[in-house]
Amino acid sequence: MLSNKRRASPFSALRTLVETRRGGKLPLPPRLSRLYGAFRLPVPRLGPLVFSNFVSTLDGVVSLQVKGHSGGGDISGFSGQDRMVMGLLRAVADAVIVGSGTLAADPEHLWTPQAICPELADDYRRLSDAMEKPRAALNVIVSAAGTLNLRLPVFTSGKVAAMIITTLRGAQRLRAQRVPDAVQIHAIRRS
């Protein structure tokens, strides 16, 4: 039986502990604004603005390092609020950087707001449109060895552009495979 009652949101609003008036206020759609509050990012003076997001236990553990349970979800209890914030950060980011271990733990994942929090996909799209972002954030995979399967969705789906940062030897390994057009490989020298 269908009901006219509005479904309860699986998310509750975050409680702001510290608020700043510095930086530009981002144009959050109404639902994201209710859930997150005011979201401001500083304008970088020189170079890119870098921010990170991860969950940890009280004693600082960020991964259980157990096969099938090495992601942050096991640490956060698969919190809706955590997924909402990750989606929000991915929506405003120009690039999302993850290591090859993160890719190995979730090989089918794309680092987009819709992938981490599909319930708010329309809201993230509205935010990206309001910010005039032309595309999803570049998915950057860091791999020293370059032993990545270039047939994974992050490289072949066409939904995100991908970049792999690796060593000279890693780049050689990767280029031995068929490299999809949307994938850039950047080799760096070890110092």
N, C-alpha and C. Protein backbone atom coordinates (compact mmCIF):
# COMPACT_ATOMS: atom_id res chain seq x y z
N MET A 1 0.84 -1.18 0.00
CA MET A 1 0.00 0.00 0.00
C MET A 1 0.89 1.24 0.00
N LEU A 2 0.59 2.16 -0.89
CA LEU A 2 1.35 3.40 -0.95
C LEU A 2 0.76 4.39 0.03
N SER A 3 1.59 5.19 0.58
CA SER A 3 1.16 6.18 1.56
C SER A 3 1.52 7.56 1.07
N ASN A 4 0.70 8.53 1.41
CA ASN A 4 1.02 9.91 1.07
C ASN A 4 2.04 10.51 2.02
N LYS A 5 2.33 9.79 3.09
CA LYS A 5 3.31 10.29 4.06
C LYS A 5 4.69 10.32 3.42
N ARG A 6 5.40 11.34 3.74
CA ARG A 6 6.75 11.49 3.22
C ARG A 6 7.68 10.48 3.89
N ARG A 7 8.53 9.85 3.09
CA ARG A 7 9.49 8.90 3.65
C ARG A 7 10.51 9.61 4.51
N ALA A 8 10.86 9.00 5.61
CA ALA A 8 11.88 9.56 6.48
C ALA A 8 13.23 9.48 5.77
N SER A 9 14.03 10.50 5.92
CA SER A 9 15.35 10.52 5.30
C SER A 9 16.27 9.57 6.05
N PRO A 10 17.10 8.82 5.30
CA PRO A 10 18.06 7.94 5.98
C PRO A 10 19.21 8.73 6.60
N PHE A 11 19.18 10.04 6.44
CA PHE A 11 20.25 10.89 6.94
C PHE A 11 19.69 11.86 7.96
N SER A 12 20.48 12.15 8.97
CA SER A 12 20.12 13.22 9.88
C SER A 12 21.14 14.33 9.71
N ALA A 13 20.74 15.52 10.06
CA ALA A 13 21.63 16.68 9.89
C ALA A 13 22.86 16.54 10.78
N LEU A 14 23.98 16.98 10.24
CA LEU A 14 25.20 17.00 11.03
C LEU A 14 25.12 18.10 12.07
N ARG A 15 25.81 17.94 13.16
CA ARG A 15 25.89 18.97 14.18
C ARG A 15 27.21 19.71 13.98
N THR A 16 27.14 21.01 13.77
CA THR A 16 28.33 21.81 13.54
C THR A 16 29.02 22.10 14.87
N LEU A 17 30.28 21.74 14.96
CA LEU A 17 31.05 21.99 16.18
C LEU A 17 31.81 23.31 16.08
N VAL A 18 32.35 23.60 14.91
CA VAL A 18 33.09 24.84 14.69
C VAL A 18 32.68 25.37 13.33
N GLU A 19 32.33 26.63 13.27
CA GLU A 19 31.93 27.21 11.99
C GLU A 19 32.83 28.39 11.67
N THR A 20 33.17 28.50 10.40
CA THR A 20 34.00 29.61 9.96
C THR A 20 33.22 30.48 8.99
N ARG A 21 33.57 31.72 8.92
CA ARG A 21 32.98 32.64 7.95
C ARG A 21 33.97 32.90 6.82
N ARG A 22 35.15 32.26 6.92
CA ARG A 22 36.19 32.45 5.91
C ARG A 22 35.90 31.55 4.71
N GLY A 23 36.27 32.01 3.55
CA GLY A 23 36.11 31.22 2.33
C GLY A 23 34.76 31.45 1.69
N GLY A 24 34.66 30.99 0.47
CA GLY A 24 33.42 31.15 -0.28
C GLY A 24 32.40 30.10 0.10
N LYS A 25 31.17 30.54 0.29
CA LYS A 25 30.09 29.62 0.63
C LYS A 25 29.63 28.93 -0.66
N LEU A 26 29.60 27.61 -0.63
CA LEU A 26 29.22 26.85 -1.81
C LEU A 26 27.70 26.80 -1.95
N PRO A 27 27.20 26.77 -3.19
CA PRO A 27 25.75 26.82 -3.44
C PRO A 27 25.07 25.46 -3.25
N LEU A 28 24.99 25.02 -2.00
CA LEU A 28 24.38 23.71 -1.74
C LEU A 28 22.89 23.74 -2.05
N PRO A 29 22.38 22.71 -2.71
CA PRO A 29 20.93 22.58 -2.87
C PRO A 29 20.27 22.47 -1.50
N PRO A 30 18.98 22.77 -1.40
CA PRO A 30 18.32 22.81 -0.08
C PRO A 30 18.52 21.57 0.79
N ARG A 31 18.38 20.38 0.23
CA ARG A 31 18.52 19.18 1.08
C ARG A 31 19.94 19.04 1.61
N LEU A 32 20.96 19.27 0.77
CA LEU A 32 22.34 19.19 1.25
C LEU A 32 22.61 20.28 2.27
N SER A 33 22.05 21.45 2.08
CA SER A 33 22.22 22.54 3.05
C SER A 33 21.61 22.17 4.40
N ARG A 34 20.44 21.53 4.39
CA ARG A 34 19.81 21.09 5.65
C ARG A 34 20.65 20.03 6.34
N LEU A 35 21.24 19.12 5.56
CA LEU A 35 22.02 18.04 6.14
C LEU A 35 23.40 18.48 6.60
N TYR A 36 24.06 19.32 5.81
CA TYR A 36 25.44 19.68 6.09
C TYR A 36 25.58 21.01 6.83
N GLY A 37 24.74 21.97 6.50
CA GLY A 37 24.91 23.33 7.01
C GLY A 37 25.66 24.15 5.97
N ALA A 38 26.23 25.25 6.37
CA ALA A 38 27.01 26.09 5.45
C ALA A 38 28.32 25.38 5.13
N PHE A 39 28.65 25.32 3.86
CA PHE A 39 29.89 24.67 3.43
C PHE A 39 30.75 25.73 2.75
N ARG A 40 31.88 26.02 3.35
CA ARG A 40 32.79 27.02 2.81
C ARG A 40 34.14 26.38 2.52
N LEU A 41 34.75 26.82 1.45
CA LEU A 41 36.11 26.40 1.13
C LEU A 41 36.96 27.65 0.97
N PRO A 42 38.16 27.64 1.53
CA PRO A 42 39.04 28.80 1.35
C PRO A 42 39.48 28.90 -0.11
N VAL A 43 39.75 30.11 -0.53
CA VAL A 43 40.29 30.33 -1.87
C VAL A 43 41.81 30.18 -1.74
N PRO A 44 42.40 29.22 -2.46
CA PRO A 44 43.85 29.02 -2.33
C PRO A 44 44.62 30.22 -2.86
N ARG A 45 45.66 30.59 -2.13
CA ARG A 45 46.49 31.72 -2.57
C ARG A 45 47.46 31.29 -3.66
N LEU A 46 48.08 30.15 -3.46
CA LEU A 46 49.03 29.62 -4.43
C LEU A 46 48.76 28.13 -4.62
N GLY A 47 48.67 27.69 -5.84
CA GLY A 47 48.52 26.26 -6.10
C GLY A 47 47.15 25.73 -5.75
N PRO A 48 47.00 24.42 -5.80
CA PRO A 48 45.70 23.80 -5.56
C PRO A 48 45.31 23.78 -4.09
N LEU A 49 44.03 23.66 -3.86
CA LEU A 49 43.50 23.45 -2.52
C LEU A 49 43.37 21.94 -2.34
N VAL A 50 43.98 21.41 -1.30
CA VAL A 50 43.95 19.98 -1.04
C VAL A 50 43.22 19.74 0.27
N PHE A 51 42.26 18.83 0.24
CA PHE A 51 41.60 18.42 1.48
C PHE A 51 41.49 16.91 1.47
N SER A 52 41.37 16.33 2.65
CA SER A 52 41.27 14.88 2.74
C SER A 52 40.10 14.51 3.63
N ASN A 53 39.65 13.28 3.46
CA ASN A 53 38.54 12.79 4.24
C ASN A 53 38.77 11.31 4.51
N PHE A 54 38.73 10.93 5.75
CA PHE A 54 38.79 9.52 6.12
C PHE A 54 38.20 9.37 7.50
N VAL A 55 37.81 8.17 7.81
CA VAL A 55 37.30 7.89 9.15
C VAL A 55 38.35 7.11 9.91
N SER A 56 38.32 7.23 11.22
CA SER A 56 39.26 6.46 12.04
C SER A 56 38.59 6.09 13.36
N THR A 57 39.13 5.06 13.96
CA THR A 57 38.68 4.70 15.30
C THR A 57 39.29 5.70 16.28
N LEU A 58 38.87 5.65 17.52
CA LEU A 58 39.42 6.57 18.51
C LEU A 58 40.93 6.41 18.69
N ASP A 59 41.43 5.20 18.43
CA ASP A 59 42.87 4.99 18.57
C ASP A 59 43.62 5.15 17.25
N GLY A 60 42.97 5.71 16.21
CA GLY A 60 43.66 6.07 14.98
C GLY A 60 43.68 5.04 13.88
N VAL A 61 42.97 3.93 14.01
CA VAL A 61 42.94 2.92 12.96
C VAL A 61 42.04 3.41 11.83
N VAL A 62 42.56 3.41 10.59
CA VAL A 62 41.77 3.83 9.44
C VAL A 62 41.40 2.67 8.54
N SER A 63 42.00 1.52 8.73
CA SER A 63 41.67 0.32 7.96
C SER A 63 41.89 -0.90 8.83
N LEU A 64 40.98 -1.86 8.70
CA LEU A 64 41.12 -3.09 9.48
C LEU A 64 42.15 -4.03 8.87
N GLN A 65 42.54 -3.78 7.61
CA GLN A 65 43.53 -4.62 6.91
C GLN A 65 43.12 -6.08 6.90
N VAL A 66 41.81 -6.32 6.73
CA VAL A 66 41.27 -7.66 6.64
C VAL A 66 40.57 -7.76 5.29
N LYS A 67 40.87 -8.80 4.53
CA LYS A 67 40.28 -8.95 3.20
C LYS A 67 38.76 -8.82 3.28
N GLY A 68 38.21 -7.97 2.44
CA GLY A 68 36.78 -7.73 2.43
C GLY A 68 36.32 -6.72 3.45
N HIS A 69 37.22 -6.27 4.32
CA HIS A 69 36.86 -5.30 5.37
C HIS A 69 37.96 -4.26 5.54
N SER A 70 38.57 -3.85 4.44
CA SER A 70 39.68 -2.91 4.57
C SER A 70 39.26 -1.47 4.29
N GLY A 71 38.01 -1.24 3.88
CA GLY A 71 37.55 0.11 3.59
C GLY A 71 37.10 0.83 4.85
N GLY A 72 36.78 2.08 4.68
CA GLY A 72 36.36 2.91 5.80
C GLY A 72 34.97 2.58 6.32
N GLY A 73 34.14 1.90 5.50
CA GLY A 73 32.78 1.59 5.93
C GLY A 73 32.73 0.78 7.20
N ASP A 74 33.64 -0.16 7.34
CA ASP A 74 33.67 -0.97 8.55
C ASP A 74 34.05 -0.12 9.77
N ILE A 75 34.85 0.90 9.55
CA ILE A 75 35.23 1.79 10.65
C ILE A 75 34.07 2.73 11.02
N SER A 76 33.39 3.28 10.00
CA SER A 76 32.31 4.25 10.25
C SER A 76 30.99 3.60 10.60
N GLY A 77 30.92 2.27 10.48
CA GLY A 77 29.63 1.61 10.68
C GLY A 77 28.71 1.85 9.49
N PHE A 78 29.31 2.14 8.33
CA PHE A 78 28.56 2.42 7.10
C PHE A 78 27.58 3.57 7.32
N SER A 79 28.07 4.59 7.99
CA SER A 79 27.28 5.76 8.36
C SER A 79 26.77 6.51 7.13
N GLY A 80 25.48 6.80 7.13
CA GLY A 80 24.89 7.62 6.06
C GLY A 80 25.49 9.01 6.03
N GLN A 81 25.73 9.59 7.21
CA GLN A 81 26.33 10.92 7.26
C GLN A 81 27.73 10.92 6.67
N ASP A 82 28.51 9.88 6.93
CA ASP A 82 29.85 9.79 6.38
C ASP A 82 29.78 9.70 4.85
N ARG A 83 28.88 8.87 4.34
CA ARG A 83 28.73 8.75 2.89
C ARG A 83 28.26 10.07 2.28
N MET A 84 27.36 10.78 2.97
CA MET A 84 26.88 12.06 2.48
C MET A 84 28.02 13.06 2.37
N VAL A 85 28.89 13.12 3.40
CA VAL A 85 30.02 14.05 3.38
C VAL A 85 31.02 13.64 2.29
N MET A 86 31.30 12.36 2.15
CA MET A 86 32.21 11.94 1.07
C MET A 86 31.65 12.32 -0.29
N GLY A 87 30.35 12.15 -0.48
CA GLY A 87 29.74 12.54 -1.74
C GLY A 87 29.84 14.03 -1.98
N LEU A 88 29.62 14.81 -0.93
CA LEU A 88 29.72 16.26 -1.03
C LEU A 88 31.14 16.68 -1.41
N LEU A 89 32.14 16.10 -0.77
CA LEU A 89 33.53 16.44 -1.09
C LEU A 89 33.88 16.02 -2.52
N ARG A 90 33.40 14.87 -2.94
CA ARG A 90 33.66 14.43 -4.32
C ARG A 90 32.97 15.34 -5.32
N ALA A 91 31.79 15.87 -4.97
CA ALA A 91 31.06 16.75 -5.88
C ALA A 91 31.80 18.07 -6.12
N VAL A 92 32.53 18.56 -5.12
CA VAL A 92 33.21 19.84 -5.28
C VAL A 92 34.67 19.69 -5.71
N ALA A 93 35.20 18.47 -5.64
CA ALA A 93 36.61 18.24 -5.96
C ALA A 93 36.85 18.23 -7.47
N ASP A 94 38.04 18.63 -7.85
CA ASP A 94 38.48 18.50 -9.24
C ASP A 94 39.13 17.14 -9.46
N ALA A 95 39.69 16.56 -8.40
CA ALA A 95 40.33 15.25 -8.49
C ALA A 95 40.14 14.53 -7.16
N VAL A 96 39.96 13.22 -7.23
CA VAL A 96 39.90 12.36 -6.05
C VAL A 96 41.06 11.39 -6.19
N ILE A 97 41.92 11.35 -5.18
CA ILE A 97 43.14 10.54 -5.23
C ILE A 97 43.01 9.37 -4.26
N VAL A 98 43.23 8.16 -4.76
CA VAL A 98 43.22 6.96 -3.92
C VAL A 98 44.42 6.10 -4.28
N GLY A 99 44.81 5.27 -3.37
CA GLY A 99 45.91 4.35 -3.61
C GLY A 99 45.43 3.06 -4.26
N SER A 100 46.39 2.31 -4.79
CA SER A 100 46.05 1.05 -5.46
C SER A 100 45.43 0.05 -4.50
N GLY A 101 45.75 0.13 -3.21
CA GLY A 101 45.13 -0.75 -2.22
C GLY A 101 43.65 -0.47 -2.08
N THR A 102 43.27 0.79 -2.14
CA THR A 102 41.86 1.17 -2.09
C THR A 102 41.13 0.64 -3.32
N LEU A 103 41.77 0.77 -4.48
CA LEU A 103 41.19 0.23 -5.71
C LEU A 103 41.05 -1.30 -5.60
N ALA A 104 42.05 -1.97 -5.08
CA ALA A 104 42.00 -3.43 -4.94
C ALA A 104 40.88 -3.85 -3.99
N ALA A 105 40.64 -3.06 -2.95
CA ALA A 105 39.59 -3.38 -1.98
C ALA A 105 38.19 -3.22 -2.57
N ASP A 106 38.05 -2.34 -3.57
CA ASP A 106 36.75 -2.09 -4.17
C ASP A 106 36.92 -1.86 -5.66
N PRO A 107 37.26 -2.91 -6.41
CA PRO A 107 37.64 -2.76 -7.82
C PRO A 107 36.53 -2.28 -8.75
N GLU A 108 35.29 -2.37 -8.35
CA GLU A 108 34.18 -1.94 -9.21
C GLU A 108 33.79 -0.49 -8.96
N HIS A 109 34.41 0.16 -8.00
CA HIS A 109 33.99 1.50 -7.57
C HIS A 109 34.47 2.59 -8.51
N LEU A 110 33.68 3.64 -8.62
CA LEU A 110 34.09 4.90 -9.24
C LEU A 110 34.05 5.93 -8.12
N TRP A 111 35.02 6.82 -8.07
CA TRP A 111 35.09 7.79 -7.00
C TRP A 111 34.30 9.03 -7.41
N THR A 112 32.97 8.85 -7.41
CA THR A 112 32.02 9.91 -7.73
C THR A 112 31.07 10.06 -6.56
N PRO A 113 30.40 11.19 -6.46
CA PRO A 113 29.43 11.34 -5.37
C PRO A 113 28.29 10.34 -5.48
N GLN A 114 27.85 10.08 -6.71
CA GLN A 114 26.73 9.16 -6.92
C GLN A 114 27.09 7.74 -6.50
N ALA A 115 28.34 7.35 -6.67
CA ALA A 115 28.74 5.99 -6.32
C ALA A 115 28.78 5.77 -4.82
N ILE A 116 29.17 6.78 -4.07
CA ILE A 116 29.28 6.61 -2.61
C ILE A 116 27.95 6.87 -1.91
N CYS A 117 27.11 7.71 -2.52
CA CYS A 117 25.84 8.05 -1.86
C CYS A 117 24.76 8.26 -2.93
N PRO A 118 24.28 7.16 -3.52
CA PRO A 118 23.31 7.29 -4.62
C PRO A 118 22.00 7.96 -4.21
N GLU A 119 21.67 7.90 -2.93
CA GLU A 119 20.43 8.52 -2.45
C GLU A 119 20.40 10.02 -2.69
N LEU A 120 21.56 10.65 -2.77
CA LEU A 120 21.64 12.11 -2.94
C LEU A 120 22.18 12.49 -4.31
N ALA A 121 22.13 11.57 -5.26
CA ALA A 121 22.72 11.80 -6.59
C ALA A 121 22.17 13.07 -7.25
N ASP A 122 20.87 13.30 -7.19
CA ASP A 122 20.30 14.49 -7.82
C ASP A 122 20.80 15.77 -7.15
N ASP A 123 20.95 15.73 -5.84
CA ASP A 123 21.45 16.90 -5.11
C ASP A 123 22.90 17.19 -5.48
N TYR A 124 23.72 16.15 -5.60
CA TYR A 124 25.11 16.36 -6.00
C TYR A 124 25.19 16.91 -7.42
N ARG A 125 24.32 16.42 -8.31
CA ARG A 125 24.30 16.93 -9.68
C ARG A 125 23.91 18.40 -9.68
N ARG A 126 22.91 18.79 -8.87
CA ARG A 126 22.51 20.20 -8.78
C ARG A 126 23.67 21.06 -8.28
N LEU A 127 24.41 20.56 -7.30
CA LEU A 127 25.56 21.31 -6.79
C LEU A 127 26.61 21.48 -7.88
N SER A 128 26.93 20.41 -8.58
CA SER A 128 27.92 20.50 -9.67
C SER A 128 27.47 21.47 -10.75
N ASP A 129 26.18 21.43 -11.09
CA ASP A 129 25.65 22.37 -12.08
C ASP A 129 25.77 23.80 -11.59
N ALA A 130 25.43 24.04 -10.32
CA ALA A 130 25.52 25.40 -9.76
C ALA A 130 26.95 25.90 -9.74
N MET A 131 27.91 24.98 -9.57
CA MET A 131 29.32 25.36 -9.56
C MET A 131 29.91 25.39 -10.97
N GLU A 132 29.07 25.05 -11.96
CA GLU A 132 29.48 25.01 -13.37
C GLU A 132 30.67 24.07 -13.58
N LYS A 133 30.61 22.92 -12.90
CA LYS A 133 31.65 21.90 -13.08
C LYS A 133 31.30 21.10 -14.33
N PRO A 134 32.20 21.05 -15.29
CA PRO A 134 31.89 20.41 -16.56
C PRO A 134 31.84 18.88 -16.51
N ARG A 135 32.48 18.26 -15.51
CA ARG A 135 32.54 16.80 -15.49
C ARG A 135 32.81 16.31 -14.07
N ALA A 136 32.74 15.00 -13.93
CA ALA A 136 33.06 14.38 -12.63
C ALA A 136 34.53 14.60 -12.32
N ALA A 137 34.86 14.53 -11.05
CA ALA A 137 36.25 14.68 -10.62
C ALA A 137 37.13 13.63 -11.28
N LEU A 138 38.33 14.03 -11.64
CA LEU A 138 39.33 13.12 -12.16
C LEU A 138 39.62 12.08 -11.09
N ASN A 139 39.57 10.80 -11.43
CA ASN A 139 39.90 9.73 -10.49
C ASN A 139 41.38 9.41 -10.66
N VAL A 140 42.17 9.67 -9.63
CA VAL A 140 43.62 9.47 -9.67
C VAL A 140 43.96 8.25 -8.81
N ILE A 141 44.65 7.30 -9.43
CA ILE A 141 45.07 6.09 -8.71
C ILE A 141 46.59 6.14 -8.60
N VAL A 142 47.10 5.98 -7.39
CA VAL A 142 48.54 5.98 -7.16
C VAL A 142 48.98 4.54 -6.97
N SER A 143 49.96 4.12 -7.77
CA SER A 143 50.44 2.74 -7.72
C SER A 143 51.93 2.72 -8.01
N ALA A 144 52.74 2.37 -7.03
CA ALA A 144 54.18 2.30 -7.26
C ALA A 144 54.54 1.23 -8.27
N ALA A 145 53.91 0.07 -8.16
CA ALA A 145 54.27 -1.06 -9.02
C ALA A 145 53.63 -1.01 -10.40
N GLY A 146 52.49 -0.32 -10.50
CA GLY A 146 51.80 -0.27 -11.79
C GLY A 146 51.14 -1.58 -12.17
N THR A 147 50.84 -2.39 -11.19
CA THR A 147 50.20 -3.69 -11.45
C THR A 147 48.69 -3.54 -11.31
N LEU A 148 48.10 -2.76 -12.19
CA LEU A 148 46.67 -2.49 -12.17
C LEU A 148 46.00 -3.14 -13.37
N ASN A 149 44.77 -3.55 -13.19
CA ASN A 149 43.97 -4.11 -14.27
C ASN A 149 43.27 -2.94 -14.96
N LEU A 150 43.68 -2.61 -16.16
CA LEU A 150 43.12 -1.47 -16.88
C LEU A 150 41.74 -1.76 -17.46
N ARG A 151 41.18 -2.94 -17.19
CA ARG A 151 39.83 -3.26 -17.63
C ARG A 151 38.79 -2.97 -16.54
N LEU A 152 39.22 -2.43 -15.40
CA LEU A 152 38.28 -2.10 -14.32
C LEU A 152 37.43 -0.88 -14.72
N PRO A 153 36.23 -0.76 -14.12
CA PRO A 153 35.33 0.34 -14.48
C PRO A 153 35.93 1.74 -14.35
N VAL A 154 36.78 1.98 -13.38
CA VAL A 154 37.35 3.32 -13.22
C VAL A 154 38.13 3.73 -14.48
N PHE A 155 38.64 2.75 -15.20
CA PHE A 155 39.41 3.03 -16.41
C PHE A 155 38.59 2.91 -17.69
N THR A 156 37.50 2.14 -17.67
CA THR A 156 36.79 1.82 -18.91
C THR A 156 35.35 2.30 -18.99
N SER A 157 34.76 2.75 -17.89
CA SER A 157 33.32 3.07 -17.89
C SER A 157 32.97 4.27 -18.73
N GLY A 158 33.91 5.18 -18.91
CA GLY A 158 33.61 6.43 -19.61
C GLY A 158 32.89 7.44 -18.73
N LYS A 159 32.61 7.08 -17.47
CA LYS A 159 31.92 7.99 -16.55
C LYS A 159 32.87 8.96 -15.86
N VAL A 160 34.15 8.59 -15.80
CA VAL A 160 35.17 9.46 -15.18
C VAL A 160 36.43 9.40 -16.03
N ALA A 161 37.17 10.49 -16.00
CA ALA A 161 38.52 10.45 -16.56
C ALA A 161 39.42 9.90 -15.46
N ALA A 162 40.44 9.16 -15.84
CA ALA A 162 41.31 8.54 -14.85
C ALA A 162 42.76 8.86 -15.16
N MET A 163 43.53 8.98 -14.09
CA MET A 163 44.97 9.20 -14.18
C MET A 163 45.63 8.21 -13.24
N ILE A 164 46.72 7.63 -13.69
CA ILE A 164 47.50 6.75 -12.83
C ILE A 164 48.85 7.40 -12.62
N ILE A 165 49.22 7.55 -11.37
CA ILE A 165 50.54 8.08 -11.03
C ILE A 165 51.35 6.89 -10.53
N THR A 166 52.49 6.68 -11.15
CA THR A 166 53.29 5.49 -10.86
C THR A 166 54.77 5.79 -11.09
N THR A 167 55.58 4.79 -10.91
CA THR A 167 57.02 4.89 -11.15
C THR A 167 57.30 4.65 -12.63
N LEU A 168 58.54 4.84 -13.05
CA LEU A 168 58.91 4.56 -14.44
C LEU A 168 58.66 3.09 -14.78
N ARG A 169 59.04 2.19 -13.89
CA ARG A 169 58.81 0.75 -14.11
C ARG A 169 57.31 0.44 -14.14
N GLY A 170 56.55 1.07 -13.24
CA GLY A 170 55.09 0.87 -13.24
C GLY A 170 54.46 1.33 -14.54
N ALA A 171 54.92 2.45 -15.07
CA ALA A 171 54.39 2.96 -16.34
C ALA A 171 54.67 1.97 -17.47
N GLN A 172 55.85 1.37 -17.46
CA GLN A 172 56.18 0.36 -18.48
C GLN A 172 55.21 -0.82 -18.39
N ARG A 173 54.95 -1.29 -17.17
CA ARG A 173 54.01 -2.41 -16.99
C ARG A 173 52.62 -2.05 -17.52
N LEU A 174 52.17 -0.85 -17.18
CA LEU A 174 50.84 -0.43 -17.60
C LEU A 174 50.74 -0.28 -19.11
N ARG A 175 51.77 0.27 -19.71
CA ARG A 175 51.73 0.49 -21.17
C ARG A 175 51.86 -0.81 -21.95
N ALA A 176 52.19 -1.90 -21.28
CA ALA A 176 52.21 -3.21 -21.93
C ALA A 176 50.78 -3.71 -22.16
N GLN A 177 49.82 -3.13 -21.43
CA GLN A 177 48.40 -3.43 -21.62
C GLN A 177 47.82 -2.45 -22.64
N ARG A 178 46.59 -2.71 -23.06
CA ARG A 178 45.89 -1.73 -23.88
C ARG A 178 45.39 -0.64 -22.94
N VAL A 179 45.90 0.57 -23.11
CA VAL A 179 45.53 1.68 -22.24
C VAL A 179 44.31 2.39 -22.84
N PRO A 180 43.19 2.41 -22.10
CA PRO A 180 42.00 3.11 -22.61
C PRO A 180 42.29 4.59 -22.87
N ASP A 181 41.57 5.16 -23.83
CA ASP A 181 41.80 6.55 -24.22
C ASP A 181 41.62 7.54 -23.06
N ALA A 182 40.70 7.26 -22.15
CA ALA A 182 40.41 8.20 -21.05
C ALA A 182 41.40 8.10 -19.90
N VAL A 183 42.44 7.28 -20.04
CA VAL A 183 43.40 7.07 -18.95
C VAL A 183 44.73 7.74 -19.28
N GLN A 184 45.18 8.57 -18.36
CA GLN A 184 46.51 9.18 -18.48
C GLN A 184 47.44 8.44 -17.52
N ILE A 185 48.67 8.21 -17.95
CA ILE A 185 49.67 7.58 -17.09
C ILE A 185 50.79 8.59 -16.90
N HIS A 186 51.10 8.89 -15.65
CA HIS A 186 52.20 9.80 -15.34
C HIS A 186 53.22 9.05 -14.50
N ALA A 187 54.43 8.97 -15.03
CA ALA A 187 55.51 8.30 -14.32
C ALA A 187 56.33 9.34 -13.57
N ILE A 188 56.68 9.00 -12.35
CA ILE A 188 57.54 9.88 -11.56
C ILE A 188 58.79 9.11 -11.18
N ARG A 189 59.86 9.83 -11.02
CA ARG A 189 61.10 9.20 -10.58
C ARG A 189 61.12 9.13 -9.07
N ARG A 190 61.57 8.02 -8.56
CA ARG A 190 61.73 7.89 -7.11
C ARG A 190 62.92 8.72 -6.68
N SER A 191 62.79 9.37 -5.54
CA SER A 191 63.92 10.17 -5.07
C SER A 191 64.49 9.59 -3.80
